[in-house]
């Protein structure tokens, strides 16, 4: 898994620490122990990697032959969807796009066809009902949904449940299965995951 770098998670973790420091300098503080919660997230990430066989099965079920895929999320989940769709696009060459659940009806839903794979993230309690509504909307139009939820927010029919972590740090955990799914999707499609076509480690032109 040479390509499976943890740069997105490293960036999120560093930004979380910087945000905590900035808050303290301004006389404010987080309502949770950041170091403790990051430790919990680290354990969750290790557990998720150990469940790679489940991610491979999801990749096989949803992405072996499809040409298009969509990722939907709300709040922090939306940004994880962008990362997940990018990884899938880069190494499996599937036309994958991430969308905010609140924008689903503004054109996006017109692209849903019978059997279209839709990955939905549900890790944020305050928008959980809304993203569930989005899932129902795409299912009604023939989509093949794969819901990845956070423990405590899971619903019947969810394909995978993430370990319990603080919701503010959930992206650190939820990005892992999306990366693994992209990796296995590429393998099952016969793509070279270590040398994706037309990609470079650095960009030297505008």
N, C-alpha and C. Protein backbone atom coordinates (compact mmCIF):
# COMPACT_ATOMS: atom_id res chain seq x y z
N UNK A 1 0.83 -1.20 0.00
CA UNK A 1 0.00 0.00 0.00
C UNK A 1 0.87 1.26 0.00
N UNK A 2 1.85 1.28 -0.90
CA UNK A 2 2.78 2.40 -0.94
C UNK A 2 2.05 3.74 -1.10
N UNK A 3 0.97 3.73 -1.88
CA UNK A 3 0.28 4.99 -2.18
C UNK A 3 -0.51 5.52 -1.01
N UNK A 4 -0.84 4.64 -0.04
CA UNK A 4 -1.78 5.00 1.02
C UNK A 4 -1.06 5.85 2.07
N UNK A 5 -0.87 7.10 1.78
CA UNK A 5 -0.20 8.02 2.69
C UNK A 5 -1.22 8.62 3.66
N UNK A 6 -0.73 9.00 4.84
CA UNK A 6 -1.61 9.57 5.85
C UNK A 6 -1.54 11.09 5.89
N UNK A 7 -1.14 11.71 4.78
CA UNK A 7 -1.00 13.16 4.77
C UNK A 7 -2.28 13.89 5.15
N UNK A 8 -3.45 13.52 4.64
CA UNK A 8 -4.66 14.24 5.05
C UNK A 8 -4.89 14.16 6.55
N UNK A 9 -4.68 12.99 7.13
CA UNK A 9 -4.90 12.85 8.57
C UNK A 9 -3.85 13.60 9.36
N UNK A 10 -2.62 13.62 8.88
CA UNK A 10 -1.57 14.39 9.55
C UNK A 10 -1.92 15.87 9.54
N UNK A 11 -2.39 16.36 8.40
CA UNK A 11 -2.74 17.77 8.30
C UNK A 11 -3.87 18.12 9.26
N UNK A 12 -4.88 17.27 9.32
CA UNK A 12 -6.02 17.53 10.20
C UNK A 12 -5.57 17.55 11.65
N UNK A 13 -4.74 16.59 12.03
CA UNK A 13 -4.27 16.52 13.41
C UNK A 13 -3.46 17.76 13.79
N UNK A 14 -2.56 18.19 12.90
CA UNK A 14 -1.76 19.38 13.16
C UNK A 14 -2.65 20.61 13.27
N UNK A 15 -3.61 20.74 12.37
CA UNK A 15 -4.52 21.88 12.42
C UNK A 15 -5.34 21.88 13.70
N UNK A 16 -5.74 20.70 14.15
CA UNK A 16 -6.50 20.62 15.40
C UNK A 16 -5.67 21.11 16.57
N UNK A 17 -4.40 20.73 16.60
CA UNK A 17 -3.52 21.18 17.68
C UNK A 17 -3.29 22.69 17.60
N UNK A 18 -3.06 23.20 16.39
CA UNK A 18 -2.88 24.64 16.22
C UNK A 18 -4.12 25.41 16.64
N UNK A 19 -5.29 24.87 16.31
CA UNK A 19 -6.54 25.53 16.70
C UNK A 19 -6.67 25.57 18.22
N UNK A 20 -6.26 24.49 18.87
CA UNK A 20 -6.31 24.44 20.33
C UNK A 20 -5.39 25.48 20.95
N UNK A 21 -4.17 25.59 20.40
CA UNK A 21 -3.21 26.58 20.90
C UNK A 21 -3.73 28.00 20.68
N UNK A 22 -4.28 28.26 19.48
CA UNK A 22 -4.81 29.58 19.18
C UNK A 22 -5.96 29.94 20.12
N UNK A 23 -6.80 28.96 20.41
CA UNK A 23 -7.92 29.21 21.33
C UNK A 23 -7.42 29.58 22.72
N UNK A 24 -6.41 28.87 23.20
CA UNK A 24 -5.87 29.16 24.53
C UNK A 24 -5.22 30.54 24.57
N UNK A 25 -4.55 30.93 23.49
CA UNK A 25 -3.93 32.25 23.44
C UNK A 25 -4.97 33.36 23.46
N UNK A 26 -6.18 33.04 23.04
CA UNK A 26 -7.27 34.01 23.03
C UNK A 26 -8.18 33.86 24.25
N UNK A 27 -7.68 33.13 25.24
CA UNK A 27 -8.44 32.99 26.47
C UNK A 27 -9.60 32.02 26.37
N UNK A 28 -9.59 31.17 25.37
CA UNK A 28 -10.65 30.19 25.21
C UNK A 28 -10.04 28.79 25.31
N UNK A 29 -10.89 27.81 25.35
CA UNK A 29 -10.39 26.44 25.42
C UNK A 29 -11.39 25.49 24.81
N UNK A 30 -10.90 24.35 24.36
CA UNK A 30 -11.79 23.33 23.82
C UNK A 30 -12.59 22.70 24.94
N UNK A 31 -13.74 22.16 24.61
CA UNK A 31 -14.58 21.52 25.63
C UNK A 31 -14.26 20.04 25.77
N UNK A 32 -13.08 19.63 25.25
CA UNK A 32 -12.64 18.24 25.41
C UNK A 32 -11.12 18.20 25.45
N UNK A 33 -10.58 17.12 25.96
CA UNK A 33 -9.14 16.94 26.07
C UNK A 33 -8.60 16.49 24.71
N UNK A 34 -7.97 17.41 23.99
CA UNK A 34 -7.55 17.13 22.62
C UNK A 34 -6.54 15.99 22.55
N UNK A 35 -5.54 16.02 23.42
CA UNK A 35 -4.51 14.98 23.39
C UNK A 35 -5.13 13.60 23.65
N UNK A 36 -6.00 13.54 24.64
CA UNK A 36 -6.66 12.27 24.96
C UNK A 36 -7.49 11.77 23.78
N UNK A 37 -8.26 12.68 23.17
CA UNK A 37 -9.13 12.29 22.07
C UNK A 37 -8.33 11.90 20.83
N UNK A 38 -7.19 12.56 20.61
CA UNK A 38 -6.34 12.16 19.49
C UNK A 38 -5.79 10.76 19.69
N UNK A 39 -5.52 10.40 20.95
CA UNK A 39 -5.08 9.04 21.24
C UNK A 39 -6.15 8.02 20.92
N UNK A 40 -7.40 8.37 21.25
CA UNK A 40 -8.52 7.49 20.93
C UNK A 40 -8.67 7.33 19.42
N UNK A 41 -8.49 8.44 18.70
CA UNK A 41 -8.59 8.40 17.24
C UNK A 41 -7.48 7.53 16.65
N UNK A 42 -6.27 7.64 17.20
CA UNK A 42 -5.16 6.83 16.70
C UNK A 42 -5.46 5.34 16.84
N UNK A 43 -6.03 4.96 17.98
CA UNK A 43 -6.41 3.56 18.17
C UNK A 43 -7.50 3.14 17.19
N UNK A 44 -8.45 4.06 16.96
CA UNK A 44 -9.53 3.78 16.01
C UNK A 44 -8.99 3.57 14.61
N UNK A 45 -8.01 4.38 14.22
CA UNK A 45 -7.43 4.26 12.89
C UNK A 45 -6.73 2.91 12.72
N UNK A 46 -6.02 2.48 13.76
CA UNK A 46 -5.38 1.17 13.69
C UNK A 46 -6.41 0.06 13.56
N UNK A 47 -7.51 0.19 14.31
CA UNK A 47 -8.57 -0.81 14.23
C UNK A 47 -9.19 -0.85 12.84
N UNK A 48 -9.32 0.31 12.22
CA UNK A 48 -9.91 0.38 10.89
C UNK A 48 -9.02 -0.29 9.85
N UNK A 49 -7.73 -0.08 9.95
CA UNK A 49 -6.81 -0.73 9.03
C UNK A 49 -6.89 -2.25 9.18
N UNK A 50 -7.09 -2.71 10.42
CA UNK A 50 -7.23 -4.15 10.66
C UNK A 50 -8.50 -4.72 10.03
N UNK A 51 -9.45 -3.84 9.70
CA UNK A 51 -10.70 -4.28 9.08
C UNK A 51 -10.67 -4.10 7.57
N UNK A 52 -9.48 -4.14 7.01
CA UNK A 52 -9.32 -3.89 5.58
C UNK A 52 -10.08 -4.88 4.71
N UNK A 53 -10.31 -6.09 5.22
CA UNK A 53 -11.06 -7.07 4.43
C UNK A 53 -12.48 -6.60 4.16
N UNK A 54 -13.07 -5.91 5.13
CA UNK A 54 -14.42 -5.38 4.93
C UNK A 54 -14.41 -4.27 3.89
N UNK A 55 -13.35 -3.46 3.89
CA UNK A 55 -13.23 -2.40 2.89
C UNK A 55 -13.06 -2.99 1.49
N UNK A 56 -12.31 -4.08 1.43
CA UNK A 56 -12.13 -4.73 0.13
C UNK A 56 -13.46 -5.26 -0.39
N UNK A 57 -14.28 -5.80 0.49
CA UNK A 57 -15.58 -6.31 0.07
C UNK A 57 -16.47 -5.18 -0.44
N UNK A 58 -16.42 -4.04 0.25
CA UNK A 58 -17.20 -2.88 -0.20
C UNK A 58 -16.73 -2.45 -1.59
N UNK A 59 -15.42 -2.39 -1.77
CA UNK A 59 -14.86 -2.02 -3.07
C UNK A 59 -15.32 -2.98 -4.15
N UNK A 60 -15.31 -4.25 -3.83
CA UNK A 60 -15.73 -5.27 -4.81
C UNK A 60 -17.21 -5.13 -5.13
N UNK A 61 -18.02 -4.88 -4.12
CA UNK A 61 -19.47 -4.81 -4.33
C UNK A 61 -19.91 -3.56 -5.07
N UNK A 62 -19.20 -2.45 -4.85
CA UNK A 62 -19.67 -1.17 -5.38
C UNK A 62 -18.88 -0.63 -6.56
N UNK A 63 -17.60 -0.97 -6.67
CA UNK A 63 -16.76 -0.23 -7.61
C UNK A 63 -16.00 -1.07 -8.63
N UNK A 64 -16.30 -2.35 -8.74
CA UNK A 64 -15.55 -3.19 -9.67
C UNK A 64 -15.81 -2.81 -11.13
N UNK A 65 -17.05 -2.50 -11.46
CA UNK A 65 -17.38 -2.24 -12.87
C UNK A 65 -17.97 -0.86 -13.12
N UNK A 66 -18.34 -0.13 -12.09
CA UNK A 66 -19.00 1.16 -12.30
C UNK A 66 -18.07 2.18 -12.95
N UNK A 67 -18.66 3.15 -13.62
CA UNK A 67 -17.88 4.23 -14.22
C UNK A 67 -18.05 5.54 -13.45
N UNK A 68 -19.09 5.60 -12.62
CA UNK A 68 -19.38 6.82 -11.87
C UNK A 68 -19.67 6.49 -10.41
N UNK A 69 -19.38 7.42 -9.53
CA UNK A 69 -19.68 7.24 -8.11
C UNK A 69 -19.82 8.60 -7.45
N UNK A 70 -20.63 8.65 -6.41
CA UNK A 70 -20.83 9.90 -5.69
C UNK A 70 -20.63 9.70 -4.20
N UNK A 71 -20.13 10.73 -3.55
CA UNK A 71 -19.94 10.74 -2.11
C UNK A 71 -20.73 11.93 -1.56
N UNK A 72 -21.53 11.70 -0.53
CA UNK A 72 -22.30 12.80 0.05
C UNK A 72 -22.09 12.84 1.56
N UNK A 73 -22.02 14.06 2.07
CA UNK A 73 -21.86 14.26 3.51
C UNK A 73 -22.28 15.67 3.88
N UNK A 74 -22.46 15.89 5.15
CA UNK A 74 -22.83 17.21 5.66
C UNK A 74 -21.85 17.62 6.75
N UNK A 75 -21.66 18.92 6.90
CA UNK A 75 -20.72 19.40 7.90
C UNK A 75 -19.31 18.91 7.60
N UNK A 76 -18.62 18.43 8.61
CA UNK A 76 -17.25 17.94 8.42
C UNK A 76 -17.19 16.77 7.46
N UNK A 77 -18.25 16.00 7.40
CA UNK A 77 -18.26 14.83 6.52
C UNK A 77 -18.12 15.21 5.05
N UNK A 78 -18.60 16.39 4.69
CA UNK A 78 -18.51 16.82 3.29
C UNK A 78 -17.06 16.88 2.83
N UNK A 79 -16.18 17.39 3.69
CA UNK A 79 -14.78 17.55 3.31
C UNK A 79 -14.08 16.19 3.22
N UNK A 80 -14.50 15.26 4.04
CA UNK A 80 -13.97 13.90 3.94
C UNK A 80 -14.43 13.26 2.63
N UNK A 81 -15.65 13.56 2.23
CA UNK A 81 -16.17 13.05 0.96
C UNK A 81 -15.34 13.56 -0.22
N UNK A 82 -14.91 14.81 -0.14
CA UNK A 82 -14.06 15.35 -1.21
C UNK A 82 -12.75 14.57 -1.30
N UNK A 83 -12.17 14.27 -0.15
CA UNK A 83 -10.92 13.50 -0.13
C UNK A 83 -11.16 12.08 -0.64
N UNK A 84 -12.25 11.46 -0.19
CA UNK A 84 -12.54 10.09 -0.61
C UNK A 84 -12.78 9.99 -2.11
N UNK A 85 -13.51 10.94 -2.65
CA UNK A 85 -13.79 10.91 -4.09
C UNK A 85 -12.52 11.18 -4.89
N UNK A 86 -11.66 12.05 -4.37
CA UNK A 86 -10.39 12.33 -5.05
C UNK A 86 -9.51 11.09 -5.12
N UNK A 87 -9.39 10.38 -4.00
CA UNK A 87 -8.57 9.18 -3.98
C UNK A 87 -9.11 8.12 -4.95
N UNK A 88 -10.43 7.95 -4.96
CA UNK A 88 -11.03 6.96 -5.85
C UNK A 88 -10.78 7.33 -7.31
N UNK A 89 -10.90 8.61 -7.60
CA UNK A 89 -10.70 9.10 -8.96
C UNK A 89 -9.25 8.93 -9.40
N UNK A 90 -8.33 9.26 -8.51
CA UNK A 90 -6.91 9.26 -8.86
C UNK A 90 -6.35 7.88 -9.18
N UNK A 91 -6.79 6.87 -8.45
CA UNK A 91 -6.13 5.57 -8.63
C UNK A 91 -6.99 4.49 -9.26
N UNK A 92 -8.31 4.71 -9.33
CA UNK A 92 -9.15 3.70 -9.98
C UNK A 92 -9.75 4.22 -11.28
N UNK A 93 -9.60 5.54 -11.52
CA UNK A 93 -10.08 6.18 -12.75
C UNK A 93 -11.60 6.14 -12.89
N UNK A 94 -12.28 6.07 -11.76
CA UNK A 94 -13.74 6.20 -11.73
C UNK A 94 -14.08 7.69 -11.65
N UNK A 95 -15.10 8.11 -12.38
CA UNK A 95 -15.54 9.50 -12.30
C UNK A 95 -16.28 9.68 -10.97
N UNK A 96 -15.54 10.02 -9.94
CA UNK A 96 -16.09 10.14 -8.59
C UNK A 96 -16.14 11.60 -8.17
N UNK A 97 -17.24 11.99 -7.54
CA UNK A 97 -17.41 13.37 -7.09
C UNK A 97 -17.99 13.40 -5.69
N UNK A 98 -17.53 14.35 -4.88
CA UNK A 98 -18.08 14.54 -3.54
C UNK A 98 -19.00 15.75 -3.51
N UNK A 99 -20.12 15.61 -2.84
CA UNK A 99 -21.10 16.69 -2.77
C UNK A 99 -21.59 16.90 -1.35
N UNK A 100 -21.96 18.14 -1.06
CA UNK A 100 -22.60 18.45 0.22
C UNK A 100 -24.05 17.99 0.15
N UNK A 101 -24.51 17.33 1.20
CA UNK A 101 -25.87 16.81 1.20
C UNK A 101 -26.91 17.89 0.97
N UNK A 102 -26.64 19.10 1.47
CA UNK A 102 -27.60 20.19 1.31
C UNK A 102 -27.73 20.69 -0.12
N UNK A 103 -26.77 20.33 -0.97
CA UNK A 103 -26.80 20.76 -2.36
C UNK A 103 -27.25 19.65 -3.30
N UNK A 104 -27.69 18.56 -2.72
CA UNK A 104 -28.03 17.38 -3.53
C UNK A 104 -29.08 17.68 -4.59
N UNK A 105 -30.07 18.48 -4.23
CA UNK A 105 -31.17 18.74 -5.17
C UNK A 105 -30.84 19.83 -6.18
N UNK A 106 -29.68 20.46 -6.04
CA UNK A 106 -29.32 21.53 -6.97
C UNK A 106 -28.51 20.97 -8.14
N UNK A 107 -29.10 20.02 -8.84
CA UNK A 107 -28.47 19.46 -10.03
C UNK A 107 -27.84 18.10 -9.83
N UNK A 108 -27.25 17.89 -8.67
CA UNK A 108 -26.54 16.63 -8.44
C UNK A 108 -27.44 15.42 -8.56
N UNK A 109 -28.62 15.52 -8.01
CA UNK A 109 -29.51 14.36 -7.97
C UNK A 109 -29.94 13.93 -9.37
N UNK A 110 -29.83 14.83 -10.33
CA UNK A 110 -30.18 14.48 -11.71
C UNK A 110 -29.20 13.47 -12.30
N UNK A 111 -28.03 13.35 -11.68
CA UNK A 111 -27.01 12.43 -12.18
C UNK A 111 -27.16 11.02 -11.63
N UNK A 112 -28.05 10.85 -10.67
CA UNK A 112 -28.26 9.53 -10.07
C UNK A 112 -29.05 8.65 -11.02
N UNK A 113 -28.49 7.49 -11.33
CA UNK A 113 -29.15 6.52 -12.19
C UNK A 113 -29.30 5.20 -11.45
N UNK A 114 -30.00 4.28 -12.05
CA UNK A 114 -30.17 2.96 -11.46
C UNK A 114 -28.81 2.30 -11.22
N UNK A 115 -28.55 1.95 -9.97
CA UNK A 115 -27.31 1.27 -9.63
C UNK A 115 -26.12 2.17 -9.35
N UNK A 116 -26.29 3.49 -9.42
CA UNK A 116 -25.18 4.40 -9.15
C UNK A 116 -24.68 4.25 -7.71
N UNK A 117 -23.40 3.97 -7.51
CA UNK A 117 -22.88 3.86 -6.14
C UNK A 117 -22.86 5.23 -5.46
N UNK A 118 -23.38 5.29 -4.25
CA UNK A 118 -23.35 6.53 -3.47
C UNK A 118 -22.83 6.20 -2.07
N UNK A 119 -21.67 6.74 -1.74
CA UNK A 119 -21.12 6.60 -0.40
C UNK A 119 -21.62 7.77 0.43
N UNK A 120 -22.24 7.50 1.56
CA UNK A 120 -22.73 8.55 2.45
C UNK A 120 -22.06 8.43 3.81
N UNK A 121 -21.53 9.55 4.30
CA UNK A 121 -20.92 9.56 5.62
C UNK A 121 -21.89 10.14 6.63
N UNK A 122 -21.95 9.52 7.81
CA UNK A 122 -22.86 9.98 8.87
C UNK A 122 -22.12 9.91 10.20
N UNK A 123 -21.32 10.95 10.48
CA UNK A 123 -20.55 10.97 11.73
C UNK A 123 -20.89 12.18 12.60
N UNK A 124 -21.79 13.04 12.12
CA UNK A 124 -22.11 14.27 12.85
C UNK A 124 -23.56 14.24 13.32
N UNK A 125 -23.75 14.22 14.62
CA UNK A 125 -25.09 14.03 15.18
C UNK A 125 -26.06 15.13 14.76
N UNK A 126 -25.60 16.38 14.69
CA UNK A 126 -26.51 17.49 14.43
C UNK A 126 -27.06 17.48 13.00
N UNK A 127 -26.45 16.72 12.10
CA UNK A 127 -26.96 16.63 10.73
C UNK A 127 -27.30 15.19 10.35
N UNK A 128 -27.35 14.32 11.34
CA UNK A 128 -27.57 12.90 11.04
C UNK A 128 -28.91 12.66 10.35
N UNK A 129 -29.97 13.28 10.86
CA UNK A 129 -31.29 13.08 10.24
C UNK A 129 -31.31 13.61 8.81
N UNK A 130 -30.60 14.70 8.58
CA UNK A 130 -30.58 15.30 7.24
C UNK A 130 -29.86 14.40 6.24
N UNK A 131 -28.72 13.85 6.64
CA UNK A 131 -28.00 12.98 5.70
C UNK A 131 -28.77 11.69 5.47
N UNK A 132 -29.49 11.23 6.49
CA UNK A 132 -30.34 10.05 6.30
C UNK A 132 -31.44 10.35 5.27
N UNK A 133 -31.95 11.57 5.32
CA UNK A 133 -32.94 11.97 4.32
C UNK A 133 -32.36 11.98 2.93
N UNK A 134 -31.11 12.44 2.81
CA UNK A 134 -30.43 12.42 1.51
C UNK A 134 -30.27 11.01 0.97
N UNK A 135 -29.95 10.09 1.86
CA UNK A 135 -29.80 8.69 1.44
C UNK A 135 -31.12 8.16 0.90
N UNK A 136 -32.20 8.48 1.58
CA UNK A 136 -33.51 8.03 1.11
C UNK A 136 -33.83 8.61 -0.27
N UNK A 137 -33.41 9.85 -0.49
CA UNK A 137 -33.67 10.50 -1.78
C UNK A 137 -32.94 9.79 -2.92
N UNK A 138 -31.68 9.44 -2.70
CA UNK A 138 -30.94 8.80 -3.78
C UNK A 138 -31.40 7.36 -3.99
N UNK A 139 -31.79 6.70 -2.90
CA UNK A 139 -32.31 5.33 -3.02
C UNK A 139 -33.59 5.34 -3.84
N UNK A 140 -34.43 6.34 -3.62
CA UNK A 140 -35.69 6.45 -4.35
C UNK A 140 -35.46 6.60 -5.85
N UNK A 141 -34.26 7.04 -6.22
CA UNK A 141 -33.93 7.23 -7.63
C UNK A 141 -33.04 6.12 -8.17
N UNK A 142 -32.93 5.04 -7.41
CA UNK A 142 -32.24 3.86 -7.91
C UNK A 142 -30.80 3.69 -7.50
N UNK A 143 -30.28 4.59 -6.65
CA UNK A 143 -28.88 4.51 -6.26
C UNK A 143 -28.59 3.27 -5.42
N UNK A 144 -27.35 2.86 -5.44
CA UNK A 144 -26.87 1.76 -4.61
C UNK A 144 -26.08 2.38 -3.45
N UNK A 145 -26.70 2.53 -2.26
CA UNK A 145 -26.07 3.31 -1.19
C UNK A 145 -25.12 2.49 -0.32
N UNK A 146 -24.09 3.15 0.16
CA UNK A 146 -23.17 2.57 1.13
C UNK A 146 -22.99 3.60 2.23
N UNK A 147 -23.66 3.39 3.36
CA UNK A 147 -23.60 4.36 4.46
C UNK A 147 -22.51 3.94 5.44
N UNK A 148 -21.62 4.87 5.72
CA UNK A 148 -20.57 4.67 6.72
C UNK A 148 -20.86 5.62 7.87
N UNK A 149 -21.18 5.08 9.03
CA UNK A 149 -21.62 5.91 10.15
C UNK A 149 -20.70 5.76 11.35
N UNK A 150 -20.87 6.66 12.30
CA UNK A 150 -20.12 6.64 13.54
C UNK A 150 -20.89 5.84 14.58
N UNK A 151 -20.18 5.07 15.38
CA UNK A 151 -20.84 4.29 16.43
C UNK A 151 -21.66 5.22 17.32
N UNK A 152 -22.90 4.85 17.54
CA UNK A 152 -23.83 5.69 18.29
C UNK A 152 -24.80 6.42 17.39
N UNK A 153 -24.44 6.54 16.11
CA UNK A 153 -25.31 7.18 15.12
C UNK A 153 -25.74 6.19 14.05
N UNK A 154 -25.36 4.93 14.20
CA UNK A 154 -25.64 3.95 13.16
C UNK A 154 -27.13 3.67 13.04
N UNK A 155 -27.52 3.23 11.87
CA UNK A 155 -28.91 2.90 11.58
C UNK A 155 -28.94 1.53 10.91
N UNK A 156 -30.08 0.91 10.94
CA UNK A 156 -30.22 -0.39 10.29
C UNK A 156 -29.92 -0.25 8.80
N UNK A 157 -29.11 -1.13 8.31
CA UNK A 157 -28.77 -1.09 6.90
C UNK A 157 -27.46 -0.40 6.59
N UNK A 158 -26.84 0.26 7.58
CA UNK A 158 -25.54 0.89 7.34
C UNK A 158 -24.52 -0.19 6.98
N UNK A 159 -23.68 0.12 6.02
CA UNK A 159 -22.72 -0.88 5.55
C UNK A 159 -21.53 -1.03 6.50
N UNK A 160 -21.13 0.06 7.13
CA UNK A 160 -19.97 -0.01 8.02
C UNK A 160 -20.11 1.03 9.13
N UNK A 161 -19.72 0.63 10.35
CA UNK A 161 -19.80 1.53 11.50
C UNK A 161 -18.39 1.80 12.03
N UNK A 162 -18.05 3.08 12.11
CA UNK A 162 -16.74 3.49 12.61
C UNK A 162 -16.69 3.40 14.13
N UNK A 163 -15.51 3.18 14.71
CA UNK A 163 -15.38 3.21 16.17
C UNK A 163 -15.77 4.59 16.71
N UNK A 164 -16.20 4.62 17.96
CA UNK A 164 -16.61 5.89 18.57
C UNK A 164 -15.40 6.79 18.79
N UNK A 165 -15.47 8.00 18.23
CA UNK A 165 -14.45 9.02 18.45
C UNK A 165 -15.17 10.35 18.63
N UNK A 166 -14.45 11.36 19.08
CA UNK A 166 -15.07 12.68 19.22
C UNK A 166 -15.48 13.18 17.84
N UNK A 167 -16.71 13.69 17.70
CA UNK A 167 -17.18 14.11 16.37
C UNK A 167 -16.31 15.16 15.70
N UNK A 168 -15.66 16.02 16.49
CA UNK A 168 -14.81 17.05 15.90
C UNK A 168 -13.57 16.44 15.24
N UNK A 169 -13.21 15.24 15.66
CA UNK A 169 -12.04 14.56 15.11
C UNK A 169 -12.42 13.38 14.23
N UNK A 170 -13.69 13.21 13.99
CA UNK A 170 -14.17 12.08 13.19
C UNK A 170 -13.53 12.00 11.81
N UNK A 171 -13.22 13.13 11.14
CA UNK A 171 -12.59 13.03 9.82
C UNK A 171 -11.28 12.24 9.83
N UNK A 172 -10.56 12.28 10.95
CA UNK A 172 -9.32 11.52 11.03
C UNK A 172 -9.57 10.03 10.89
N UNK A 173 -10.71 9.58 11.40
CA UNK A 173 -11.06 8.16 11.32
C UNK A 173 -11.80 7.83 10.03
N UNK A 174 -12.74 8.68 9.65
CA UNK A 174 -13.61 8.33 8.52
C UNK A 174 -12.89 8.35 7.18
N UNK A 175 -11.78 9.07 7.10
CA UNK A 175 -11.04 9.10 5.84
C UNK A 175 -10.33 7.77 5.57
N UNK A 176 -10.03 7.02 6.63
CA UNK A 176 -9.29 5.76 6.46
C UNK A 176 -10.04 4.73 5.62
N UNK A 177 -11.31 4.42 5.95
CA UNK A 177 -12.01 3.45 5.10
C UNK A 177 -12.18 3.92 3.67
N UNK A 178 -12.32 5.23 3.46
CA UNK A 178 -12.47 5.72 2.09
C UNK A 178 -11.17 5.52 1.31
N UNK A 179 -10.04 5.71 1.97
CA UNK A 179 -8.76 5.47 1.30
C UNK A 179 -8.58 3.99 0.98
N UNK A 180 -8.95 3.15 1.93
CA UNK A 180 -8.83 1.70 1.70
C UNK A 180 -9.77 1.22 0.60
N UNK A 181 -10.97 1.76 0.58
CA UNK A 181 -11.93 1.39 -0.47
C UNK A 181 -11.38 1.78 -1.84
N UNK A 182 -10.80 2.98 -1.93
CA UNK A 182 -10.22 3.42 -3.20
C UNK A 182 -9.08 2.49 -3.61
N UNK A 183 -8.26 2.12 -2.66
CA UNK A 183 -7.13 1.22 -2.92
C UNK A 183 -7.60 -0.11 -3.49
N UNK A 184 -8.57 -0.72 -2.82
CA UNK A 184 -9.03 -2.04 -3.28
C UNK A 184 -9.85 -1.94 -4.57
N UNK A 185 -10.55 -0.84 -4.75
CA UNK A 185 -11.28 -0.65 -6.00
C UNK A 185 -10.29 -0.63 -7.17
N UNK A 186 -9.19 0.07 -6.98
CA UNK A 186 -8.17 0.13 -8.03
C UNK A 186 -7.58 -1.25 -8.31
N UNK A 187 -7.30 -2.00 -7.26
CA UNK A 187 -6.75 -3.34 -7.45
C UNK A 187 -7.70 -4.23 -8.24
N UNK A 188 -8.98 -4.19 -7.88
CA UNK A 188 -9.95 -5.05 -8.55
C UNK A 188 -10.22 -4.61 -9.98
N UNK A 189 -9.86 -3.38 -10.30
CA UNK A 189 -10.03 -2.89 -11.67
C UNK A 189 -8.73 -3.04 -12.48
N UNK A 190 -7.72 -3.63 -11.85
CA UNK A 190 -6.46 -3.87 -12.55
C UNK A 190 -5.58 -2.64 -12.70
N UNK A 191 -5.75 -1.66 -11.82
CA UNK A 191 -4.97 -0.42 -11.90
C UNK A 191 -3.70 -0.53 -11.05
N UNK A 192 -2.66 0.16 -11.47
CA UNK A 192 -1.41 0.19 -10.71
C UNK A 192 -1.54 1.25 -9.63
N UNK A 193 -1.72 0.82 -8.39
CA UNK A 193 -1.97 1.78 -7.31
C UNK A 193 -0.71 2.55 -6.91
N UNK A 194 0.46 2.02 -7.22
CA UNK A 194 1.71 2.70 -6.85
C UNK A 194 2.18 3.69 -7.91
N UNK A 195 1.64 3.56 -9.12
CA UNK A 195 2.01 4.49 -10.18
C UNK A 195 0.76 4.91 -10.95
N UNK A 196 -0.11 5.71 -10.31
CA UNK A 196 -1.33 6.17 -11.01
C UNK A 196 -0.94 6.98 -12.24
N UNK A 197 -1.72 6.83 -13.28
CA UNK A 197 -1.37 7.50 -14.54
C UNK A 197 -1.55 9.02 -14.42
N UNK A 198 -0.66 9.73 -15.06
CA UNK A 198 -0.73 11.19 -15.19
C UNK A 198 -0.63 11.94 -13.87
N UNK A 199 -0.16 11.28 -12.81
CA UNK A 199 0.01 11.95 -11.53
C UNK A 199 1.49 12.08 -11.20
N UNK A 200 1.83 13.17 -10.52
CA UNK A 200 3.20 13.38 -10.07
C UNK A 200 3.19 13.74 -8.59
N UNK A 201 4.29 13.44 -7.91
CA UNK A 201 4.37 13.77 -6.48
C UNK A 201 4.48 15.27 -6.27
N UNK A 202 4.98 15.99 -7.25
CA UNK A 202 5.08 17.44 -7.14
C UNK A 202 4.64 18.08 -8.44
N UNK A 203 4.11 19.28 -8.34
CA UNK A 203 3.65 20.02 -9.51
C UNK A 203 4.62 21.16 -9.77
N UNK A 204 5.21 21.18 -10.95
CA UNK A 204 6.24 22.18 -11.26
C UNK A 204 5.80 23.17 -12.33
N UNK A 205 4.56 23.04 -12.81
CA UNK A 205 4.06 23.97 -13.82
C UNK A 205 2.76 24.58 -13.33
N UNK A 206 2.43 25.76 -13.85
CA UNK A 206 1.19 26.41 -13.45
C UNK A 206 0.01 25.82 -14.21
